[in-house]
PDB file of N, CA and C in Angstrom:
ATOM      1  N   MET A   1       0.843  -1.175   0.000  1.00  0.00           N
ATOM      2  CA  MET A   1       0.000   0.000   0.000  1.00  0.00           C
ATOM      3  C   MET A   1       0.888   1.238   0.000  1.00  0.00           C
ATOM      4  N   LEU A   2       0.537   2.219  -0.795  1.00  0.00           N
ATOM      5  CA  LEU A   2       1.287   3.456  -0.853  1.00  0.00           C
ATOM      6  C   LEU A   2       1.028   4.275   0.391  1.00  0.00           C
ATOM      7  N   ARG A   3       2.070   4.966   0.857  1.00  0.00           N
ATOM      8  CA  ARG A   3       1.924   5.824   2.024  1.00  0.00           C
ATOM      9  C   ARG A   3       2.335   7.238   1.655  1.00  0.00           C
ATOM     10  N   LEU A   4       1.685   8.207   2.263  1.00  0.00           N
ATOM     11  CA  LEU A   4       2.042   9.598   2.051  1.00  0.00           C
ATOM     12  C   LEU A   4       3.355   9.853   2.754  1.00  0.00           C
ATOM     13  N   VAL A   5       4.273  10.490   2.069  1.00  0.00           N
ATOM     14  CA  VAL A   5       5.584  10.768   2.630  1.00  0.00           C
ATOM     15  C   VAL A   5       5.556  12.131   3.299  1.00  0.00           C
ATOM     16  N   GLU A   6       5.988  12.192   4.545  1.00  0.00           N
ATOM     17  CA  GLU A   6       6.119  13.471   5.238  1.00  0.00           C
ATOM     18  C   GLU A   6       7.304  14.197   4.636  1.00  0.00           C
ATOM     19  N   THR A   7       7.106  15.436   4.200  1.00  0.00           N
ATOM     20  CA  THR A   7       8.160  16.146   3.488  1.00  0.00           C
ATOM     21  C   THR A   7       9.080  16.938   4.399  1.00  0.00           C
ATOM     22  N   GLY A   8       8.863  16.923   5.701  1.00  0.00           N
ATOM     23  CA  GLY A   8       9.707  17.658   6.615  1.00  0.00           C
ATOM     24  C   GLY A   8      10.932  16.861   7.044  1.00  0.00           C
ATOM     25  N   ARG A   9      11.203  15.762   6.387  1.00  0.00           N
ATOM     26  CA  ARG A   9      12.306  14.895   6.772  1.00  0.00           C
ATOM     27  C   ARG A   9      13.631  15.430   6.284  1.00  0.00           C
ATOM     28  N   SER A  10      14.667  14.672   6.547  1.00  0.00           N
ATOM     29  CA  SER A  10      16.033  15.037   6.209  1.00  0.00           C
ATOM     30  C   SER A  10      16.189  15.353   4.733  1.00  0.00           C
ATOM     31  N   GLU A  11      17.113  16.255   4.427  1.00  0.00           N
ATOM     32  CA  GLU A  11      17.406  16.596   3.037  1.00  0.00           C
ATOM     33  C   GLU A  11      18.000  15.408   2.285  1.00  0.00           C
ATOM     34  N   ASP A  12      18.503  14.409   3.013  1.00  0.00           N
ATOM     35  CA  ASP A  12      19.093  13.238   2.374  1.00  0.00           C
ATOM     36  C   ASP A  12      18.039  12.296   1.816  1.00  0.00           C
ATOM     37  N   ALA A  13      16.811  12.405   2.269  1.00  0.00           N
ATOM     38  CA  ALA A  13      15.755  11.506   1.828  1.00  0.00           C
ATOM     39  C   ALA A  13      15.481  11.719   0.340  1.00  0.00           C
ATOM     40  N   VAL A  14      15.426  10.634  -0.391  1.00  0.00           N
ATOM     41  CA  VAL A  14      15.208  10.702  -1.831  1.00  0.00           C
ATOM     42  C   VAL A  14      13.874  11.353  -2.154  1.00  0.00           C
ATOM     43  N   ASP A  15      12.832  10.990  -1.437  1.00  0.00           N
ATOM     44  CA  ASP A  15      11.506  11.531  -1.741  1.00  0.00           C
ATOM     45  C   ASP A  15      11.439  13.031  -1.453  1.00  0.00           C
ATOM     46  N   ALA A  16      12.030  13.476  -0.367  1.00  0.00           N
ATOM     47  CA  ALA A  16      12.034  14.911  -0.065  1.00  0.00           C
ATOM     48  C   ALA A  16      12.868  15.670  -1.091  1.00  0.00           C
ATOM     49  N   ALA A  17      14.002  15.098  -1.488  1.00  0.00           N
ATOM     50  CA  ALA A  17      14.836  15.740  -2.512  1.00  0.00           C
ATOM     51  C   ALA A  17      14.088  15.814  -3.837  1.00  0.00           C
ATOM     52  N   ALA A  18      13.363  14.746  -4.190  1.00  0.00           N
ATOM     53  CA  ALA A  18      12.599  14.737  -5.441  1.00  0.00           C
ATOM     54  C   ALA A  18      11.523  15.822  -5.432  1.00  0.00           C
ATOM     55  N   LEU A  19      10.852  15.996  -4.304  1.00  0.00           N
ATOM     56  CA  LEU A  19       9.835  17.049  -4.202  1.00  0.00           C
ATOM     57  C   LEU A  19      10.466  18.426  -4.349  1.00  0.00           C
ATOM     58  N   ASP A  20      11.604  18.647  -3.703  1.00  0.00           N
ATOM     59  CA  ASP A  20      12.282  19.943  -3.807  1.00  0.00           C
ATOM     60  C   ASP A  20      12.714  20.235  -5.238  1.00  0.00           C
ATOM     61  N   VAL A  21      13.274  19.227  -5.897  1.00  0.00           N
ATOM     62  CA  VAL A  21      13.726  19.409  -7.281  1.00  0.00           C
ATOM     63  C   VAL A  21      12.535  19.676  -8.194  1.00  0.00           C
ATOM     64  N   LEU A  22      11.476  18.897  -8.052  1.00  0.00           N
ATOM     65  CA  LEU A  22      10.296  19.088  -8.893  1.00  0.00           C
ATOM     66  C   LEU A  22       9.677  20.465  -8.665  1.00  0.00           C
ATOM     67  N   ARG A  23       9.592  20.884  -7.415  1.00  0.00           N
ATOM     68  CA  ARG A  23       9.040  22.213  -7.106  1.00  0.00           C
ATOM     69  C   ARG A  23       9.854  23.303  -7.801  1.00  0.00           C
ATOM     70  N   ALA A  24      11.177  23.232  -7.681  1.00  0.00           N
ATOM     71  CA  ALA A  24      12.042  24.253  -8.294  1.00  0.00           C
ATOM     72  C   ALA A  24      11.927  24.240  -9.810  1.00  0.00           C
ATOM     73  N   LEU A  25      11.909  23.059 -10.412  1.00  0.00           N
ATOM     74  CA  LEU A  25      11.793  22.959 -11.863  1.00  0.00           C
ATOM     75  C   LEU A  25      10.446  23.496 -12.349  1.00  0.00           C
ATOM     76  N   PHE A  26       9.377  23.130 -11.645  1.00  0.00           N
ATOM     77  CA  PHE A  26       8.053  23.585 -12.062  1.00  0.00           C
ATOM     78  C   PHE A  26       7.934  25.100 -11.941  1.00  0.00           C
ATOM     79  N   GLU A  27       8.430  25.670 -10.836  1.00  0.00           N
ATOM     80  CA  GLU A  27       8.371  27.123 -10.672  1.00  0.00           C
ATOM     81  C   GLU A  27       9.161  27.827 -11.762  1.00  0.00           C
ATOM     82  N   GLY A  28      10.319  27.273 -12.133  1.00  0.00           N
ATOM     83  CA  GLY A  28      11.097  27.847 -13.223  1.00  0.00           C
ATOM     84  C   GLY A  28      10.378  27.760 -14.552  1.00  0.00           C
ATOM     85  N   LEU A  29       9.661  26.687 -14.755  1.00  0.00           N
ATOM     86  CA  LEU A  29       8.931  26.460 -16.000  1.00  0.00           C
ATOM     87  C   LEU A  29       7.670  27.316 -16.082  1.00  0.00           C
ATOM     88  N   ALA A  30       6.861  27.262 -15.044  1.00  0.00           N
ATOM     89  CA  ALA A  30       5.545  27.905 -15.078  1.00  0.00           C
ATOM     90  C   ALA A  30       5.554  29.337 -14.542  1.00  0.00           C
ATOM     91  N   GLY A  31       6.563  29.680 -13.769  1.00  0.00           N
ATOM     92  CA  GLY A  31       6.623  31.015 -13.181  1.00  0.00           C
ATOM     93  C   GLY A  31       5.803  31.151 -11.908  1.00  0.00           C
ATOM     94  N   THR A  32       5.112  30.090 -11.516  1.00  0.00           N
ATOM     95  CA  THR A  32       4.335  30.066 -10.279  1.00  0.00           C
ATOM     96  C   THR A  32       4.556  28.725  -9.591  1.00  0.00           C
ATOM     97  N   PRO A  33       4.407  28.679  -8.280  1.00  0.00           N
ATOM     98  CA  PRO A  33       4.568  27.393  -7.592  1.00  0.00           C
ATOM     99  C   PRO A  33       3.395  26.462  -7.906  1.00  0.00           C
ATOM    100  N   PRO A  34       3.595  25.163  -7.741  1.00  0.00           N
ATOM    101  CA  PRO A  34       2.476  24.226  -7.929  1.00  0.00           C
ATOM    102  C   PRO A  34       1.400  24.469  -6.880  1.00  0.00           C
ATOM    103  N   ARG A  35       0.159  24.134  -7.203  1.00  0.00           N
ATOM    104  CA  ARG A  35      -0.932  24.241  -6.218  1.00  0.00           C
ATOM    105  C   ARG A  35      -0.682  23.303  -5.059  1.00  0.00           C
ATOM    106  N   SER A  36      -0.228  22.098  -5.363  1.00  0.00           N
ATOM    107  CA  SER A  36       0.157  21.147  -4.322  1.00  0.00           C
ATOM    108  C   SER A  36       1.137  20.149  -4.909  1.00  0.00           C
ATOM    109  N   LEU A  37       1.865  19.522  -4.015  1.00  0.00           N
ATOM    110  CA  LEU A  37       2.907  18.577  -4.413  1.00  0.00           C
ATOM    111  C   LEU A  37       3.001  17.523  -3.317  1.00  0.00           C
ATOM    112  N   ARG A  38       2.904  16.260  -3.683  1.00  0.00           N
ATOM    113  CA  ARG A  38       2.946  15.161  -2.718  1.00  0.00           C
ATOM    114  C   ARG A  38       3.827  14.038  -3.249  1.00  0.00           C
ATOM    115  N   ALA A  39       4.383  13.271  -2.321  1.00  0.00           N
ATOM    116  CA  ALA A  39       5.152  12.076  -2.676  1.00  0.00           C
ATOM    117  C   ALA A  39       4.499  10.874  -2.012  1.00  0.00           C
ATOM    118  N   TYR A  40       4.448   9.779  -2.741  1.00  0.00           N
ATOM    119  CA  TYR A  40       3.937   8.520  -2.236  1.00  0.00           C
ATOM    120  C   TYR A  40       4.999   7.465  -2.497  1.00  0.00           C
ATOM    121  N   ARG A  41       5.309   6.672  -1.477  1.00  0.00           N
ATOM    122  CA  ARG A  41       6.401   5.709  -1.605  1.00  0.00           C
ATOM    123  C   ARG A  41       5.957   4.343  -1.128  1.00  0.00           C
ATOM    124  N   ASP A  42       6.341   3.309  -1.863  1.00  0.00           N
ATOM    125  CA  ASP A  42       6.123   1.921  -1.491  1.00  0.00           C
ATOM    126  C   ASP A  42       7.360   1.150  -1.913  1.00  0.00           C
ATOM    127  N   ASP A  43       8.206   0.796  -0.939  1.00  0.00           N
ATOM    128  CA  ASP A  43       9.496   0.148  -1.202  1.00  0.00           C
ATOM    129  C   ASP A  43      10.296   0.969  -2.208  1.00  0.00           C
ATOM    130  N   ASP A  44      10.533   0.405  -3.401  1.00  0.00           N
ATOM    131  CA  ASP A  44      11.348   1.138  -4.376  1.00  0.00           C
ATOM    132  C   ASP A  44      10.513   1.997  -5.330  1.00  0.00           C
ATOM    133  N   ALA A  45       9.192   1.967  -5.195  1.00  0.00           N
ATOM    134  CA  ALA A  45       8.323   2.775  -6.060  1.00  0.00           C
ATOM    135  C   ALA A  45       8.099   4.151  -5.432  1.00  0.00           C
ATOM    136  N   LEU A  46       8.248   5.188  -6.248  1.00  0.00           N
ATOM    137  CA  LEU A  46       8.034   6.569  -5.806  1.00  0.00           C
ATOM    138  C   LEU A  46       7.138   7.264  -6.817  1.00  0.00           C
ATOM    139  N   LEU A  47       6.032   7.831  -6.343  1.00  0.00           N
ATOM    140  CA  LEU A  47       5.136   8.617  -7.182  1.00  0.00           C
ATOM    141  C   LEU A  47       5.133  10.047  -6.679  1.00  0.00           C
ATOM    142  N   LEU A  48       5.289  10.983  -7.580  1.00  0.00           N
ATOM    143  CA  LEU A  48       5.190  12.400  -7.252  1.00  0.00           C
ATOM    144  C   LEU A  48       3.927  12.943  -7.910  1.00  0.00           C
ATOM    145  N   LEU A  49       3.060  13.511  -7.111  1.00  0.00           N
ATOM    146  CA  LEU A  49       1.791  14.059  -7.581  1.00  0.00           C
ATOM    147  C   LEU A  49       1.900  15.574  -7.563  1.00  0.00           C
ATOM    148  N   LEU A  50       1.652  16.194  -8.702  1.00  0.00           N
ATOM    149  CA  LEU A  50       1.754  17.638  -8.839  1.00  0.00           C
ATOM    150  C   LEU A  50       0.428  18.187  -9.330  1.00  0.00           C
ATOM    151  N   ARG A  51      -0.137  19.170  -8.600  1.00  0.00           N
ATOM    152  CA  ARG A  51      -1.346  19.873  -9.031  1.00  0.00           C
ATOM    153  C   ARG A  51      -0.939  21.274  -9.437  1.00  0.00           C
ATOM    154  N   TYR A  52      -1.482  21.752 -10.550  1.00  0.00           N
ATOM    155  CA  TYR A  52      -1.159  23.073 -11.059  1.00  0.00           C
ATOM    156  C   TYR A  52      -2.422  23.702 -11.626  1.00  0.00           C
ATOM    157  N   GLU A  53      -2.343  24.983 -11.906  1.00  0.00           N
ATOM    158  CA  GLU A  53      -3.487  25.675 -12.486  1.00  0.00           C
ATOM    159  C   GLU A  53      -3.615  25.241 -13.951  1.00  0.00           C
ATOM    160  N   PRO A  54      -4.728  24.613 -14.313  1.00  0.00           N
ATOM    161  CA  PRO A  54      -4.893  24.179 -15.702  1.00  0.00           C
ATOM    162  C   PRO A  54      -5.034  25.367 -16.649  1.00  0.00           C
ATOM    163  N   ALA A  55      -4.633  25.138 -17.880  1.00  0.00           N
ATOM    164  CA  ALA A  55      -4.799  26.167 -18.912  1.00  0.00           C
ATOM    165  C   ALA A  55      -6.289  26.336 -19.200  1.00  0.00           C
ATOM    166  N   PRO A  56      -6.706  27.525 -19.598  1.00  0.00           N
ATOM    167  CA  PRO A  56      -8.120  27.715 -19.964  1.00  0.00           C
ATOM    168  C   PRO A  56      -8.519  26.752 -21.086  1.00  0.00           C
ATOM    169  N   ALA A  57      -9.766  26.354 -21.074  1.00  0.00           N
ATOM    170  CA  ALA A  57     -10.255  25.376 -22.057  1.00  0.00           C
ATOM    171  C   ALA A  57     -10.090  25.861 -23.485  1.00  0.00           C
ATOM    172  N   ASP A  58     -10.096  27.166 -23.706  1.00  0.00           N
ATOM    173  CA  ASP A  58      -9.987  27.689 -25.066  1.00  0.00           C
ATOM    174  C   ASP A  58      -8.540  27.970 -25.479  1.00  0.00           C
ATOM    175  N   ALA A  59      -7.568  27.615 -24.638  1.00  0.00           N
ATOM    176  CA  ALA A  59      -6.161  27.852 -24.979  1.00  0.00           C
ATOM    177  C   ALA A  59      -5.760  26.966 -26.154  1.00  0.00           C
ATOM    178  N   ALA A  60      -5.010  27.533 -27.090  1.00  0.00           N
ATOM    179  CA  ALA A  60      -4.609  26.799 -28.293  1.00  0.00           C
ATOM    180  C   ALA A  60      -3.551  25.741 -27.990  1.00  0.00           C
ATOM    181  N   ASP A  61      -2.621  26.059 -27.098  1.00  0.00           N
ATOM    182  CA  ASP A  61      -1.574  25.086 -26.770  1.00  0.00           C
ATOM    183  C   ASP A  61      -1.429  24.996 -25.254  1.00  0.00           C
ATOM    184  N   HIS A  62      -0.762  23.983 -24.823  1.00  0.00           N
ATOM    185  CA  HIS A  62      -0.561  23.729 -23.402  1.00  0.00           C
ATOM    186  C   HIS A  62       0.936  23.525 -23.152  1.00  0.00           C
ATOM    187  N   PRO A  63       1.704  24.615 -23.104  1.00  0.00           N
ATOM    188  CA  PRO A  63       3.156  24.461 -22.958  1.00  0.00           C
ATOM    189  C   PRO A  63       3.568  23.816 -21.646  1.00  0.00           C
ATOM    190  N   VAL A  64       2.793  24.005 -20.581  1.00  0.00           N
ATOM    191  CA  VAL A  64       3.144  23.388 -19.298  1.00  0.00           C
ATOM    192  C   VAL A  64       3.077  21.873 -19.410  1.00  0.00           C
ATOM    193  N   GLU A  65       2.026  21.357 -20.016  1.00  0.00           N
ATOM    194  CA  GLU A  65       1.885  19.908 -20.146  1.00  0.00           C
ATOM    195  C   GLU A  65       2.992  19.309 -21.010  1.00  0.00           C
ATOM    196  N   ILE A  66       3.357  20.011 -22.062  1.00  0.00           N
ATOM    197  CA  ILE A  66       4.433  19.528 -22.930  1.00  0.00           C
ATOM    198  C   ILE A  66       5.736  19.453 -22.147  1.00  0.00           C
ATOM    199  N   ALA A  67       6.034  20.493 -21.382  1.00  0.00           N
ATOM    200  CA  ALA A  67       7.270  20.524 -20.604  1.00  0.00           C
ATOM    201  C   ALA A  67       7.253  19.510 -19.463  1.00  0.00           C
ATOM    202  N   LEU A  68       6.093  19.242 -18.876  1.00  0.00           N
ATOM    203  CA  LEU A  68       6.010  18.271 -17.789  1.00  0.00           C
ATOM    204  C   LEU A  68       6.484  16.890 -18.220  1.00  0.00           C
ATOM    205  N   MET A  69       6.302  16.556 -19.474  1.00  0.00           N
ATOM    206  CA  MET A  69       6.733  15.249 -19.966  1.00  0.00           C
ATOM    207  C   MET A  69       8.246  15.080 -19.851  1.00  0.00           C
ATOM    208  N   ALA A  70       8.985  16.177 -19.903  1.00  0.00           N
ATOM    209  CA  ALA A  70      10.444  16.107 -19.823  1.00  0.00           C
ATOM    210  C   ALA A  70      10.970  16.240 -18.395  1.00  0.00           C
ATOM    211  N   LEU A  71      10.123  16.608 -17.455  1.00  0.00           N
ATOM    212  CA  LEU A  71      10.601  16.871 -16.097  1.00  0.00           C
ATOM    213  C   LEU A  71      11.076  15.633 -15.352  1.00  0.00           C
ATOM    214  N   ALA A  72      10.546  14.469 -15.657  1.00  0.00           N
ATOM    215  CA  ALA A  72      10.923  13.267 -14.909  1.00  0.00           C
ATOM    216  C   ALA A  72      12.426  13.010 -14.969  1.00  0.00           C
ATOM    217  N   SER A  73      13.006  13.110 -16.146  1.00  0.00           N
ATOM    218  CA  SER A  73      14.449  12.860 -16.253  1.00  0.00           C
ATOM    219  C   SER A  73      15.251  13.948 -15.551  1.00  0.00           C
ATOM    220  N   LEU A  74      14.744  15.184 -15.566  1.00  0.00           N
ATOM    221  CA  LEU A  74      15.435  16.267 -14.857  1.00  0.00           C
ATOM    222  C   LEU A  74      15.338  16.091 -13.345  1.00  0.00           C
ATOM    223  N   VAL A  75      14.206  15.605 -12.857  1.00  0.00           N
ATOM    224  CA  VAL A  75      14.062  15.315 -11.428  1.00  0.00           C
ATOM    225  C   VAL A  75      15.037  14.211 -11.036  1.00  0.00           C
ATOM    226  N   ALA A  76      15.113  13.151 -11.831  1.00  0.00           N
ATOM    227  CA  ALA A  76      16.029  12.046 -11.531  1.00  0.00           C
ATOM    228  C   ALA A  76      17.475  12.532 -11.481  1.00  0.00           C
ATOM    229  N   GLU A  77      17.846  13.393 -12.401  1.00  0.00           N
ATOM    230  CA  GLU A  77      19.209  13.931 -12.426  1.00  0.00           C
ATOM    231  C   GLU A  77      19.472  14.800 -11.194  1.00  0.00           C
ATOM    232  N   GLY A  78      18.529  15.636 -10.831  1.00  0.00           N
ATOM    233  CA  GLY A  78      18.687  16.489  -9.655  1.00  0.00           C
ATOM    234  C   GLY A  78      18.793  15.697  -8.367  1.00  0.00           C
ATOM    235  N   VAL A  79      17.998  14.643  -8.241  1.00  0.00           N
ATOM    236  CA  VAL A  79      18.048  13.795  -7.054  1.00  0.00           C
ATOM    237  C   VAL A  79      19.381  13.077  -6.969  1.00  0.00           C
ATOM    238  N   ALA A  80      19.875  12.583  -8.094  1.00  0.00           N
ATOM    239  CA  ALA A  80      21.168  11.896  -8.098  1.00  0.00           C
ATOM    240  C   ALA A  80      22.284  12.837  -7.650  1.00  0.00           C
ATOM    241  N   LYS A  81      22.234  14.079  -8.091  1.00  0.00           N
ATOM    242  CA  LYS A  81      23.259  15.052  -7.689  1.00  0.00           C
ATOM    243  C   LYS A  81      23.166  15.391  -6.209  1.00  0.00           C
ATOM    244  N   ARG A  82      21.949  15.476  -5.691  1.00  0.00           N
ATOM    245  CA  ARG A  82      21.765  15.837  -4.279  1.00  0.00           C
ATOM    246  C   ARG A  82      22.038  14.701  -3.312  1.00  0.00           C
ATOM    247  N   THR A  83      21.550  13.503  -3.657  1.00  0.00           N
ATOM    248  CA  THR A  83      21.574  12.403  -2.694  1.00  0.00           C
ATOM    249  C   THR A  83      22.527  11.281  -3.068  1.00  0.00           C
ATOM    250  N   GLY A  84      22.935  11.231  -4.325  1.00  0.00           N
ATOM    251  CA  GLY A  84      23.765  10.117  -4.773  1.00  0.00           C
ATOM    252  C   GLY A  84      22.960   8.872  -5.096  1.00  0.00           C
ATOM    253  N   GLN A  85      21.640   8.927  -4.974  1.00  0.00           N
ATOM    254  CA  GLN A  85      20.803   7.779  -5.293  1.00  0.00           C
ATOM    255  C   GLN A  85      20.165   7.959  -6.658  1.00  0.00           C
ATOM    256  N   ALA A  86      20.085   6.863  -7.378  1.00  0.00           N
ATOM    257  CA  ALA A  86      19.543   6.902  -8.732  1.00  0.00           C
ATOM    258  C   ALA A  86      18.036   6.666  -8.718  1.00  0.00           C
ATOM    259  N   LEU A  87      17.341   7.430  -9.548  1.00  0.00           N
ATOM    260  CA  LEU A  87      15.922   7.214  -9.811  1.00  0.00           C
ATOM    261  C   LEU A  87      15.776   6.806 -11.263  1.00  0.00           C
ATOM    262  N   ALA A  88      15.075   5.722 -11.502  1.00  0.00           N
ATOM    263  CA  ALA A  88      14.744   5.325 -12.867  1.00  0.00           C
ATOM    264  C   ALA A  88      13.346   5.855 -13.159  1.00  0.00           C
ATOM    265  N   THR A  89      13.212   6.604 -14.244  1.00  0.00           N
ATOM    266  CA  THR A  89      11.907   7.169 -14.572  1.00  0.00           C
ATOM    267  C   THR A  89      10.972   6.082 -15.078  1.00  0.00           C
ATOM    268  N   GLY A  90       9.721   6.177 -14.651  1.00  0.00           N
ATOM    269  CA  GLY A  90       8.739   5.178 -15.028  1.00  0.00           C
ATOM    270  C   GLY A  90       7.607   5.740 -15.854  1.00  0.00           C
ATOM    271  N   GLY A  91       7.670   7.005 -16.154  1.00  0.00           N
ATOM    272  CA  GLY A  91       6.631   7.605 -16.976  1.00  0.00           C
ATOM    273  C   GLY A  91       5.932   8.759 -16.288  1.00  0.00           C
ATOM    274  N   VAL A  92       5.166   9.482 -17.087  1.00  0.00           N
ATOM    275  CA  VAL A  92       4.413  10.642 -16.617  1.00  0.00           C
ATOM    276  C   VAL A  92       2.985  10.492 -17.108  1.00  0.00           C
ATOM    277  N   SER A  93       2.035  10.694 -16.203  1.00  0.00           N
ATOM    278  CA  SER A  93       0.621  10.693 -16.572  1.00  0.00           C
ATOM    279  C   SER A  93       0.078  12.097 -16.337  1.00  0.00           C
ATOM    280  N   LEU A  94      -0.658  12.605 -17.317  1.00  0.00           N
ATOM    281  CA  LEU A  94      -1.199  13.953 -17.233  1.00  0.00           C
ATOM    282  C   LEU A  94      -2.709  13.947 -17.380  1.00  0.00           C
ATOM    283  N   CYS A  95      -3.338  14.849 -16.635  1.00  0.00           N
ATOM    284  CA  CYS A  95      -4.754  15.138 -16.806  1.00  0.00           C
ATOM    285  C   CYS A  95      -4.850  16.660 -16.904  1.00  0.00           C
ATOM    286  N   PRO A  96      -4.635  17.220 -18.111  1.00  0.00           N
ATOM    287  CA  PRO A  96      -4.580  18.670 -18.274  1.00  0.00           C
ATOM    288  C   PRO A  96      -5.830  19.412 -17.806  1.00  0.00           C
ATOM    289  N   SER A  97      -7.005  18.821 -18.008  1.00  0.00           N
ATOM    290  CA  SER A  97      -8.233  19.512 -17.616  1.00  0.00           C
ATOM    291  C   SER A  97      -8.340  19.687 -16.100  1.00  0.00           C
ATOM    292  N   GLN A  98      -7.703  18.800 -15.354  1.00  0.00           N
ATOM    293  CA  GLN A  98      -7.715  18.884 -13.893  1.00  0.00           C
ATOM    294  C   GLN A  98      -6.446  19.518 -13.333  1.00  0.00           C
ATOM    295  N   GLY A  99      -5.451  19.781 -14.191  1.00  0.00           N
ATOM    296  CA  GLY A  99      -4.189  20.328 -13.719  1.00  0.00           C
ATOM    297  C   GLY A  99      -3.455  19.350 -12.827  1.00  0.00           C
ATOM    298  N   LEU A 100      -3.346  18.112 -13.289  1.00  0.00           N
ATOM    299  CA  LEU A 100      -2.781  17.042 -12.484  1.00  0.00           C
ATOM    300  C   LEU A 100      -1.705  16.304 -13.271  1.00  0.00           C
ATOM    301  N   ALA A 101      -0.560  16.085 -12.637  1.00  0.00           N
ATOM    302  CA  ALA A 101       0.516  15.289 -13.237  1.00  0.00           C
ATOM    303  C   ALA A 101       1.027  14.310 -12.191  1.00  0.00           C
ATOM    304  N   VAL A 102       1.299  13.084 -12.620  1.00  0.00           N
ATOM    305  CA  VAL A 102       1.879  12.072 -11.756  1.00  0.00           C
ATOM    306  C   VAL A 102       3.149  11.578 -12.428  1.00  0.00           C
ATOM    307  N   LEU A 103       4.264  11.690 -11.716  1.00  0.00           N
ATOM    308  CA  LEU A 103       5.556  11.232 -12.214  1.00  0.00           C
ATOM    309  C   LEU A 103       5.937   9.975 -11.436  1.00  0.00           C
ATOM    310  N   ALA A 104       6.260   8.911 -12.135  1.00  0.00           N
ATOM    311  CA  ALA A 104       6.583   7.634 -11.498  1.00  0.00           C
ATOM    312  C   ALA A 104       8.078   7.360 -11.605  1.00  0.00           C
ATOM    313  N   PHE A 105       8.628   6.812 -10.517  1.00  0.00           N
ATOM    314  CA  PHE A 105      10.049   6.482 -10.465  1.00  0.00           C
ATOM    315  C   PHE A 105      10.251   5.168  -9.731  1.00  0.00           C
ATOM    316  N   SER A 106      11.382   4.560  -9.994  1.00  0.00           N
ATOM    317  CA  SER A 106      11.858   3.434  -9.213  1.00  0.00           C
ATOM    318  C   SER A 106      13.143   3.891  -8.541  1.00  0.00           C
ATOM    319  N   VAL A 107      13.233   3.701  -7.230  1.00  0.00           N
ATOM    320  CA  VAL A 107      14.383   4.163  -6.457  1.00  0.00           C
ATOM    321  C   VAL A 107      15.387   3.033  -6.347  1.00  0.00           C
ATOM    322  N   ASP A 108      16.610   3.295  -6.787  1.00  0.00           N
ATOM    323  CA  ASP A 108      17.686   2.329  -6.628  1.00  0.00           C
ATOM    324  C   ASP A 108      18.099   2.344  -5.170  1.00  0.00           C
ATOM    325  N   GLY A 109      18.213   1.175  -4.557  1.00  0.00           N
ATOM    326  CA  GLY A 109      18.525   1.083  -3.134  1.00  0.00           C
ATOM    327  C   GLY A 109      19.954   1.406  -2.768  1.00  0.00           C
ATOM    328  N   THR A 110      20.843   1.498  -3.740  1.00  0.00           N
ATOM    329  CA  THR A 110      22.236   1.782  -3.421  1.00  0.00           C
ATOM    330  C   THR A 110      22.595   3.197  -3.806  1.00  0.00           C
ATOM    331  N   SER A 111      23.475   3.792  -3.051  1.00  0.00           N
ATOM    332  CA  SER A 111      23.936   5.135  -3.390  1.00  0.00           C
ATOM    333  C   SER A 111      24.944   5.041  -4.524  1.00  0.00           C
ATOM    334  N   ARG A 112      25.244   6.160  -5.145  1.00  0.00           N
ATOM    335  CA  ARG A 112      26.212   6.196  -6.231  1.00  0.00           C
ATOM    336  C   ARG A 112      27.578   5.690  -5.770  1.00  0.00           C
ATOM    337  N   GLU A 113      27.995   6.098  -4.551  1.00  0.00           N
ATOM    338  CA  GLU A 113      29.297   5.672  -4.032  1.00  0.00           C
ATOM    339  C   GLU A 113      29.333   4.167  -3.792  1.00  0.00           C
ATOM    340  N   GLU A 114      28.231   3.597  -3.236  1.00  0.00           N
ATOM    341  CA  GLU A 114      28.169   2.170  -3.023  1.00  0.00           C
ATOM    342  C   GLU A 114      28.209   1.426  -4.352  1.00  0.00           C
ATOM    343  N   GLY A 115      27.501   1.942  -5.346  1.00  0.00           N
ATOM    344  CA  GLY A 115      27.482   1.309  -6.658  1.00  0.00           C
ATOM    345  C   GLY A 115      28.860   1.285  -7.291  1.00  0.00           C
ATOM    346  N   LEU A 116      29.604   2.377  -7.160  1.00  0.00           N
ATOM    347  CA  LEU A 116      30.964   2.423  -7.701  1.00  0.00           C
ATOM    348  C   LEU A 116      31.869   1.458  -6.954  1.00  0.00           C
ATOM    349  N   ARG A 117      31.701   1.375  -5.629  1.00  0.00           N
ATOM    350  CA  ARG A 117      32.525   0.468  -4.823  1.00  0.00           C
ATOM    351  C   ARG A 117      32.222  -0.984  -5.179  1.00  0.00           C
ATOM    352  N   LEU A 118      30.941  -1.312  -5.367  1.00  0.00           N
ATOM    353  CA  LEU A 118      30.567  -2.686  -5.716  1.00  0.00           C
ATOM    354  C   LEU A 118      31.019  -3.057  -7.119  1.00  0.00           C
ATOM    355  N   ALA A 119      31.003  -2.082  -8.031  1.00  0.00           N
ATOM    356  CA  ALA A 119      31.396  -2.347  -9.412  1.00  0.00           C
ATOM    357  C   ALA A 119      32.924  -2.458  -9.549  1.00  0.00           C
ATOM    358  N   GLY A 120      33.643  -1.809  -8.664  1.00  0.00           N
ATOM    359  CA  GLY A 120      35.109  -1.770  -8.769  1.00  0.00           C
ATOM    360  C   GLY A 120      35.713  -2.811  -7.974  1.00  0.00           C
TER     361      GLY A 120
END
């Protein structure tokens, strides 16, 4: 069962780092903070739920939704730099009319340093 992750935890936590990275990337992209941002974790599965202000129904294009598709790999890269842990992207699901995005990841249980030590 998925559990809501408390975001007030240590900066070393992968889920908290992922939320911080996603928040910063989204604010840079959209110019406004997300309406809400949550992390759900079950063993190595991590889901990030992002709510944002949807584009008006009569808008010709949806640049936020297009850019959200690329954010998963940027979040994974940011988390790896901050924590040394790798995230494998599992896809992005969007519901533009509701202003909802879900980014899925798999968390590697070993840190970058441990992985290098085991490989060497």
